[in-house]
Amino acid sequence: MAKIPEMFDRVTQFFSEALTRVFSPPVDKNYPETGVQPFEGDAYKKTSKDSD
C-alpha cells in the first residue's frame, strides 16, 4: 500500500518532465536559416479530369 503514492509521484514526474520538454524552447538553436524558398515547379492547372 505504501508503494502507491511513490508510483503516483513517479508518473506525475514523468509527465511533467515530458510536458516541460515539449513546451520549452529548443536547447540547440543551430537550425539553418530557411526564409522564403523560390518556387521551382509548374503551376497547377485544373483540368476536366480533376474532381471538385
PDB file of N, CA and C in Angstrom:
ATOM      1  N   MET A   1       0.817  -1.200   0.000  1.00  0.00           N
ATOM      2  CA  MET A   1       0.000   0.000   0.000  1.00  0.00           C
ATOM      3  C   MET A   1       0.866   1.272   0.000  1.00  0.00           C
ATOM      4  N   ALA A   2       2.061   1.163   0.544  1.00  0.00           N
ATOM      5  CA  ALA A   2       2.932   2.333   0.638  1.00  0.00           C
ATOM      6  C   ALA A   2       3.558   2.678  -0.709  1.00  0.00           C
ATOM      7  N   LYS A   3       3.520   1.740  -1.644  1.00  0.00           N
ATOM      8  CA  LYS A   3       4.143   1.991  -2.940  1.00  0.00           C
ATOM      9  C   LYS A   3       3.238   2.788  -3.875  1.00  0.00           C
ATOM     10  N   ILE A   4       1.962   2.875  -3.581  1.00  0.00           N
ATOM     11  CA  ILE A   4       1.037   3.606  -4.455  1.00  0.00           C
ATOM     12  C   ILE A   4       1.382   5.089  -4.520  1.00  0.00           C
ATOM     13  N   PRO A   5       1.602   5.790  -3.398  1.00  0.00           N
ATOM     14  CA  PRO A   5       1.994   7.208  -3.511  1.00  0.00           C
ATOM     15  C   PRO A   5       3.324   7.405  -4.231  1.00  0.00           C
ATOM     16  N   GLU A   6       4.266   6.475  -4.011  1.00  0.00           N
ATOM     17  CA  GLU A   6       5.558   6.565  -4.690  1.00  0.00           C
ATOM     18  C   GLU A   6       5.385   6.408  -6.198  1.00  0.00           C
ATOM     19  N   MET A   7       4.558   5.460  -6.626  1.00  0.00           N
ATOM     20  CA  MET A   7       4.306   5.251  -8.040  1.00  0.00           C
ATOM     21  C   MET A   7       3.584   6.471  -8.635  1.00  0.00           C
ATOM     22  N   PHE A   8       2.646   7.024  -7.898  1.00  0.00           N
ATOM     23  CA  PHE A   8       1.936   8.218  -8.369  1.00  0.00           C
ATOM     24  C   PHE A   8       2.910   9.377  -8.555  1.00  0.00           C
ATOM     25  N   ASP A   9       3.852   9.537  -7.628  1.00  0.00           N
ATOM     26  CA  ASP A   9       4.864  10.591  -7.756  1.00  0.00           C
ATOM     27  C   ASP A   9       5.737  10.387  -8.986  1.00  0.00           C
ATOM     28  N   ARG A  10       6.118   9.150  -9.253  1.00  0.00           N
ATOM     29  CA  ARG A  10       6.943   8.860 -10.439  1.00  0.00           C
ATOM     30  C   ARG A  10       6.199   9.169 -11.735  1.00  0.00           C
ATOM     31  N   VAL A  11       4.934   8.762 -11.796  1.00  0.00           N
ATOM     32  CA  VAL A  11       4.143   9.017 -13.006  1.00  0.00           C
ATOM     33  C   VAL A  11       3.948  10.513 -13.201  1.00  0.00           C
ATOM     34  N   THR A  12       3.659  11.226 -12.119  1.00  0.00           N
ATOM     35  CA  THR A  12       3.487  12.680 -12.211  1.00  0.00           C
ATOM     36  C   THR A  12       4.768  13.349 -12.671  1.00  0.00           C
ATOM     37  N   GLN A  13       5.902  12.925 -12.131  1.00  0.00           N
ATOM     38  CA  GLN A  13       7.181  13.498 -12.532  1.00  0.00           C
ATOM     39  C   GLN A  13       7.483  13.185 -13.996  1.00  0.00           C
ATOM     40  N   PHE A  14       7.186  11.978 -14.432  1.00  0.00           N
ATOM     41  CA  PHE A  14       7.429  11.584 -15.822  1.00  0.00           C
ATOM     42  C   PHE A  14       6.665  12.491 -16.784  1.00  0.00           C
ATOM     43  N   PHE A  15       5.364  12.696 -16.505  1.00  0.00           N
ATOM     44  CA  PHE A  15       4.561  13.512 -17.406  1.00  0.00           C
ATOM     45  C   PHE A  15       4.931  14.989 -17.325  1.00  0.00           C
ATOM     46  N   SER A  16       5.278  15.470 -16.146  1.00  0.00           N
ATOM     47  CA  SER A  16       5.651  16.885 -16.054  1.00  0.00           C
ATOM     48  C   SER A  16       6.965  17.146 -16.779  1.00  0.00           C
ATOM     49  N   GLU A  17       7.921  16.210 -16.704  1.00  0.00           N
ATOM     50  CA  GLU A  17       9.175  16.388 -17.448  1.00  0.00           C
ATOM     51  C   GLU A  17       8.941  16.319 -18.950  1.00  0.00           C
ATOM     52  N   ALA A  18       8.044  15.437 -19.367  1.00  0.00           N
ATOM     53  CA  ALA A  18       7.741  15.335 -20.800  1.00  0.00           C
ATOM     54  C   ALA A  18       7.095  16.615 -21.302  1.00  0.00           C
ATOM     55  N   LEU A  19       6.138  17.143 -20.563  1.00  0.00           N
ATOM     56  CA  LEU A  19       5.477  18.388 -20.975  1.00  0.00           C
ATOM     57  C   LEU A  19       6.447  19.557 -20.972  1.00  0.00           C
ATOM     58  N   THR A  20       7.363  19.563 -20.028  1.00  0.00           N
ATOM     59  CA  THR A  20       8.374  20.622 -19.995  1.00  0.00           C
ATOM     60  C   THR A  20       9.251  20.564 -21.232  1.00  0.00           C
ATOM     61  N   ARG A  21       9.649  19.362 -21.644  1.00  0.00           N
ATOM     62  CA  ARG A  21      10.474  19.227 -22.855  1.00  0.00           C
ATOM     63  C   ARG A  21       9.720  19.644 -24.101  1.00  0.00           C
ATOM     64  N   VAL A  22       8.444  19.292 -24.167  1.00  0.00           N
ATOM     65  CA  VAL A  22       7.660  19.604 -25.366  1.00  0.00           C
ATOM     66  C   VAL A  22       7.451  21.107 -25.503  1.00  0.00           C
ATOM     67  N   PHE A  23       7.147  21.789 -24.415  1.00  0.00           N
ATOM     68  CA  PHE A  23       6.767  23.191 -24.496  1.00  0.00           C
ATOM     69  C   PHE A  23       7.877  24.164 -24.134  1.00  0.00           C
ATOM     70  N   SER A  24       9.096  23.701 -23.953  1.00  0.00           N
ATOM     71  CA  SER A  24      10.198  24.609 -23.676  1.00  0.00           C
ATOM     72  C   SER A  24      10.923  24.932 -24.985  1.00  0.00           C
ATOM     73  N   PRO A  25      11.633  26.063 -25.022  1.00  0.00           N
ATOM     74  CA  PRO A  25      12.370  26.393 -26.247  1.00  0.00           C
ATOM     75  C   PRO A  25      13.469  25.366 -26.497  1.00  0.00           C
ATOM     76  N   PRO A  26      13.854  25.206 -27.749  1.00  0.00           N
ATOM     77  CA  PRO A  26      14.877  24.201 -28.067  1.00  0.00           C
ATOM     78  C   PRO A  26      16.217  24.544 -27.430  1.00  0.00           C
ATOM     79  N   VAL A  27      16.936  23.519 -27.046  1.00  0.00           N
ATOM     80  CA  VAL A  27      18.245  23.706 -26.420  1.00  0.00           C
ATOM     81  C   VAL A  27      19.278  24.067 -27.474  1.00  0.00           C
ATOM     82  N   ASP A  28      19.251  23.378 -28.597  1.00  0.00           N
ATOM     83  CA  ASP A  28      20.194  23.673 -29.674  1.00  0.00           C
ATOM     84  C   ASP A  28      19.515  24.558 -30.702  1.00  0.00           C
ATOM     85  N   LYS A  29      20.034  25.727 -30.875  1.00  0.00           N
ATOM     86  CA  LYS A  29      19.436  26.674 -31.819  1.00  0.00           C
ATOM     87  C   LYS A  29      20.293  26.785 -33.070  1.00  0.00           C
ATOM     88  N   ASN A  30      20.792  25.669 -33.542  1.00  0.00           N
ATOM     89  CA  ASN A  30      21.637  25.658 -34.731  1.00  0.00           C
ATOM     90  C   ASN A  30      20.839  25.295 -35.978  1.00  0.00           C
ATOM     91  N   TYR A  31      19.602  25.733 -36.035  1.00  0.00           N
ATOM     92  CA  TYR A  31      18.786  25.446 -37.199  1.00  0.00           C
ATOM     93  C   TYR A  31      19.225  26.329 -38.360  1.00  0.00           C
ATOM     94  N   PRO A  32      19.188  25.816 -39.585  1.00  0.00           N
ATOM     95  CA  PRO A  32      19.581  26.646 -40.733  1.00  0.00           C
ATOM     96  C   PRO A  32      18.526  27.722 -41.005  1.00  0.00           C
ATOM     97  N   GLU A  33      18.989  28.852 -41.476  1.00  0.00           N
ATOM     98  CA  GLU A  33      18.079  29.922 -41.861  1.00  0.00           C
ATOM     99  C   GLU A  33      17.442  29.523 -43.181  1.00  0.00           C
ATOM    100  N   THR A  34      16.133  29.386 -43.198  1.00  0.00           N
ATOM    101  CA  THR A  34      15.478  28.947 -44.427  1.00  0.00           C
ATOM    102  C   THR A  34      14.881  30.116 -45.183  1.00  0.00           C
ATOM    103  N   GLY A  35      14.096  30.933 -44.546  1.00  0.00           N
ATOM    104  CA  GLY A  35      13.477  32.055 -45.223  1.00  0.00           C
ATOM    105  C   GLY A  35      12.491  31.591 -46.272  1.00  0.00           C
ATOM    106  N   VAL A  36      12.212  32.443 -47.235  1.00  0.00           N
ATOM    107  CA  VAL A  36      11.269  32.127 -48.308  1.00  0.00           C
ATOM    108  C   VAL A  36      12.012  31.385 -49.410  1.00  0.00           C
ATOM    109  N   GLN A  37      11.464  30.258 -49.812  1.00  0.00           N
ATOM    110  CA  GLN A  37      12.086  29.464 -50.860  1.00  0.00           C
ATOM    111  C   GLN A  37      11.439  29.779 -52.206  1.00  0.00           C
ATOM    112  N   PRO A  38      12.227  29.929 -53.263  1.00  0.00           N
ATOM    113  CA  PRO A  38      11.648  30.188 -54.586  1.00  0.00           C
ATOM    114  C   PRO A  38      10.905  28.958 -55.100  1.00  0.00           C
ATOM    115  N   PHE A  39       9.861  29.209 -55.858  1.00  0.00           N
ATOM    116  CA  PHE A  39       9.068  28.123 -56.438  1.00  0.00           C
ATOM    117  C   PHE A  39       9.744  27.657 -57.716  1.00  0.00           C
ATOM    118  N   GLU A  40      10.051  26.367 -57.771  1.00  0.00           N
ATOM    119  CA  GLU A  40      10.721  25.819 -58.953  1.00  0.00           C
ATOM    120  C   GLU A  40       9.906  24.676 -59.525  1.00  0.00           C
ATOM    121  N   GLY A  41       8.697  24.959 -59.940  1.00  0.00           N
ATOM    122  CA  GLY A  41       7.870  23.892 -60.483  1.00  0.00           C
ATOM    123  C   GLY A  41       6.821  24.461 -61.413  1.00  0.00           C
ATOM    124  N   ASP A  42       5.947  23.599 -61.863  1.00  0.00           N
ATOM    125  CA  ASP A  42       4.873  24.022 -62.741  1.00  0.00           C
ATOM    126  C   ASP A  42       3.651  24.387 -61.908  1.00  0.00           C
ATOM    127  N   ALA A  43       2.980  25.424 -62.321  1.00  0.00           N
ATOM    128  CA  ALA A  43       1.762  25.832 -61.628  1.00  0.00           C
ATOM    129  C   ALA A  43       0.672  24.797 -61.877  1.00  0.00           C
ATOM    130  N   TYR A  44      -0.173  24.582 -60.887  1.00  0.00           N
ATOM    131  CA  TYR A  44      -1.253  23.616 -61.006  1.00  0.00           C
ATOM    132  C   TYR A  44      -2.334  24.182 -61.923  1.00  0.00           C
ATOM    133  N   LYS A  45      -2.736  23.387 -62.902  1.00  0.00           N
ATOM    134  CA  LYS A  45      -3.811  23.788 -63.808  1.00  0.00           C
ATOM    135  C   LYS A  45      -4.937  22.790 -63.662  1.00  0.00           C
ATOM    136  N   LYS A  46      -6.121  23.272 -63.334  1.00  0.00           N
ATOM    137  CA  LYS A  46      -7.274  22.399 -63.155  1.00  0.00           C
ATOM    138  C   LYS A  46      -7.777  21.957 -64.531  1.00  0.00           C
ATOM    139  N   THR A  47      -7.958  20.672 -64.673  1.00  0.00           N
ATOM    140  CA  THR A  47      -8.448  20.132 -65.938  1.00  0.00           C
ATOM    141  C   THR A  47      -9.825  19.522 -65.722  1.00  0.00           C
ATOM    142  N   SER A  48     -10.441  19.094 -66.793  1.00  0.00           N
ATOM    143  CA  SER A  48     -11.773  18.493 -66.684  1.00  0.00           C
ATOM    144  C   SER A  48     -11.722  17.141 -65.994  1.00  0.00           C
ATOM    145  N   LYS A  49     -10.539  16.503 -65.928  1.00  0.00           N
ATOM    146  CA  LYS A  49     -10.396  15.220 -65.247  1.00  0.00           C
ATOM    147  C   LYS A  49     -10.420  15.372 -63.726  1.00  0.00           C
ATOM    148  N   ASP A  50     -10.042  16.553 -63.236  1.00  0.00           N
ATOM    149  CA  ASP A  50      -9.998  16.782 -61.791  1.00  0.00           C
ATOM    150  C   ASP A  50     -11.410  16.879 -61.235  1.00  0.00           C
ATOM    151  N   SER A  51     -11.622  16.265 -60.099  1.00  0.00           N
ATOM    152  CA  SER A  51     -12.945  16.352 -59.460  1.00  0.00           C
ATOM    153  C   SER A  51     -12.975  17.539 -58.511  1.00  0.00           C
ATOM    154  N   ASP A  52     -14.152  18.040 -58.251  1.00  0.00           N
ATOM    155  CA  ASP A  52     -14.308  19.204 -57.358  1.00  0.00           C
ATOM    156  C   ASP A  52     -14.237  18.805 -55.928  1.00  0.00           C
TER     157      ASP A  52
END
